[in-house]
Amino acid sequence: MFIKKDDKRFDEKLIQTSQQGSLISIWVDRQTGVNYLYTWSAQGCALTPLLDENGKVLVDQIGAN
């Protein structure tokens, strides 16, 4: 299976940086609508599904953008 160069799987929904150089962003899977919280700093990085106030995975409607 080949992926076209402009067929992105994820969209960045929000990006925040701090003065210390760390990064926080929210990525949305374009196929499933699942939102992921991504954090990066000099010490490492982490990726986890973003949860709503009830503890359920936050999912956007596909094609809602």
C-alpha atoms as a PDB file:
ATOM      1  CA  MET A   1       0.000   0.000   0.000  1.00  0.00           C
ATOM      2  CA  PHE A   2       1.351   3.399  -0.969  1.00  0.00           C
ATOM      3  CA  ILE A   3       0.330   6.674   0.631  1.00  0.00           C
ATOM      4  CA  LYS A   4       0.208   9.794  -1.478  1.00  0.00           C
ATOM      5  CA  LYS A   5       2.442  12.567  -0.224  1.00  0.00           C
ATOM      6  CA  ASP A   6      -0.499  14.906   0.539  1.00  0.00           C
ATOM      7  CA  ASP A   7      -2.703  12.235   2.209  1.00  0.00           C
ATOM      8  CA  LYS A   8      -2.169  13.107   5.865  1.00  0.00           C
ATOM      9  CA  ARG A   9      -3.494  10.716   8.508  1.00  0.00           C
ATOM     10  CA  PHE A  10      -3.466  13.355  11.289  1.00  0.00           C
ATOM     11  CA  ASP A  11      -4.341  17.043  11.522  1.00  0.00           C
ATOM     12  CA  GLU A  12      -2.939  19.305  14.220  1.00  0.00           C
ATOM     13  CA  LYS A  13      -5.867  20.962  15.945  1.00  0.00           C
ATOM     14  CA  LEU A  14      -4.002  23.025  18.556  1.00  0.00           C
ATOM     15  CA  ILE A  15      -0.356  23.823  19.259  1.00  0.00           C
ATOM     16  CA  GLN A  16       0.998  25.474  22.403  1.00  0.00           C
ATOM     17  CA  THR A  17       4.618  26.099  23.308  1.00  0.00           C
ATOM     18  CA  SER A  18       6.197  27.269  26.533  1.00  0.00           C
ATOM     19  CA  GLN A  19       9.199  29.479  27.230  1.00  0.00           C
ATOM     20  CA  GLN A  20      11.088  26.377  28.363  1.00  0.00           C
ATOM     21  CA  GLY A  21      10.761  24.878  24.871  1.00  0.00           C
ATOM     22  CA  SER A  22       8.131  22.244  25.598  1.00  0.00           C
ATOM     23  CA  LEU A  23       5.273  21.578  23.171  1.00  0.00           C
ATOM     24  CA  ILE A  24       1.658  20.524  23.705  1.00  0.00           C
ATOM     25  CA  SER A  25      -0.569  19.767  20.740  1.00  0.00           C
ATOM     26  CA  ILE A  26      -3.801  18.000  19.894  1.00  0.00           C
ATOM     27  CA  TRP A  27      -3.815  15.740  16.870  1.00  0.00           C
ATOM     28  CA  VAL A  28      -6.992  14.426  15.225  1.00  0.00           C
ATOM     29  CA  ASP A  29      -6.977  11.132  13.333  1.00  0.00           C
ATOM     30  CA  ARG A  30      -8.642  11.920  10.002  1.00  0.00           C
ATOM     31  CA  GLN A  31      -9.893   8.326   9.592  1.00  0.00           C
ATOM     32  CA  THR A  32     -11.398   7.734  13.046  1.00  0.00           C
ATOM     33  CA  GLY A  33     -11.916  11.248  14.450  1.00  0.00           C
ATOM     34  CA  VAL A  34     -10.106  10.322  17.692  1.00  0.00           C
ATOM     35  CA  ASN A  35      -8.303  13.251  19.390  1.00  0.00           C
ATOM     36  CA  TYR A  36      -4.819  12.657  20.826  1.00  0.00           C
ATOM     37  CA  LEU A  37      -2.855  14.778  23.272  1.00  0.00           C
ATOM     38  CA  TYR A  38       0.837  14.960  22.310  1.00  0.00           C
ATOM     39  CA  THR A  39       3.478  16.479  24.572  1.00  0.00           C
ATOM     40  CA  TRP A  40       7.166  16.987  23.883  1.00  0.00           C
ATOM     41  CA  SER A  41      10.035  18.325  25.957  1.00  0.00           C
ATOM     42  CA  ALA A  42      13.783  17.802  26.184  1.00  0.00           C
ATOM     43  CA  GLN A  43      13.129  14.923  28.623  1.00  0.00           C
ATOM     44  CA  GLY A  44      10.883  12.968  26.238  1.00  0.00           C
ATOM     45  CA  CYS A  45       7.467  12.833  24.624  1.00  0.00           C
ATOM     46  CA  ALA A  46       4.059  11.234  25.192  1.00  0.00           C
ATOM     47  CA  LEU A  47       0.946  10.513  23.145  1.00  0.00           C
ATOM     48  CA  THR A  48      -2.414   9.556  24.668  1.00  0.00           C
ATOM     49  CA  PRO A  49      -6.076   9.687  23.622  1.00  0.00           C
ATOM     50  CA  LEU A  50      -7.774  12.866  24.818  1.00  0.00           C
ATOM     51  CA  LEU A  51     -10.661  12.192  27.204  1.00  0.00           C
ATOM     52  CA  ASP A  52     -13.819  14.205  27.894  1.00  0.00           C
ATOM     53  CA  GLU A  53     -15.193  15.079  31.340  1.00  0.00           C
ATOM     54  CA  ASN A  54     -16.794  11.604  31.608  1.00  0.00           C
ATOM     55  CA  GLY A  55     -13.574   9.727  30.829  1.00  0.00           C
ATOM     56  CA  LYS A  56     -14.613   8.752  27.308  1.00  0.00           C
ATOM     57  CA  VAL A  57     -12.363   9.180  24.282  1.00  0.00           C
ATOM     58  CA  LEU A  58     -13.006  12.515  22.548  1.00  0.00           C
ATOM     59  CA  VAL A  59     -14.032  11.889  18.917  1.00  0.00           C
ATOM     60  CA  ASP A  60     -14.707  14.536  16.249  1.00  0.00           C
ATOM     61  CA  GLN A  61     -17.116  13.907  13.417  1.00  0.00           C
ATOM     62  CA  ILE A  62     -15.225  12.921  10.284  1.00  0.00           C
ATOM     63  CA  GLY A  63     -15.423  15.610   7.604  1.00  0.00           C
ATOM     64  CA  ALA A  64     -16.660  18.248  10.066  1.00  0.00           C
ATOM     65  CA  ASN A  65     -13.753  20.596   9.224  1.00  0.00           C
END
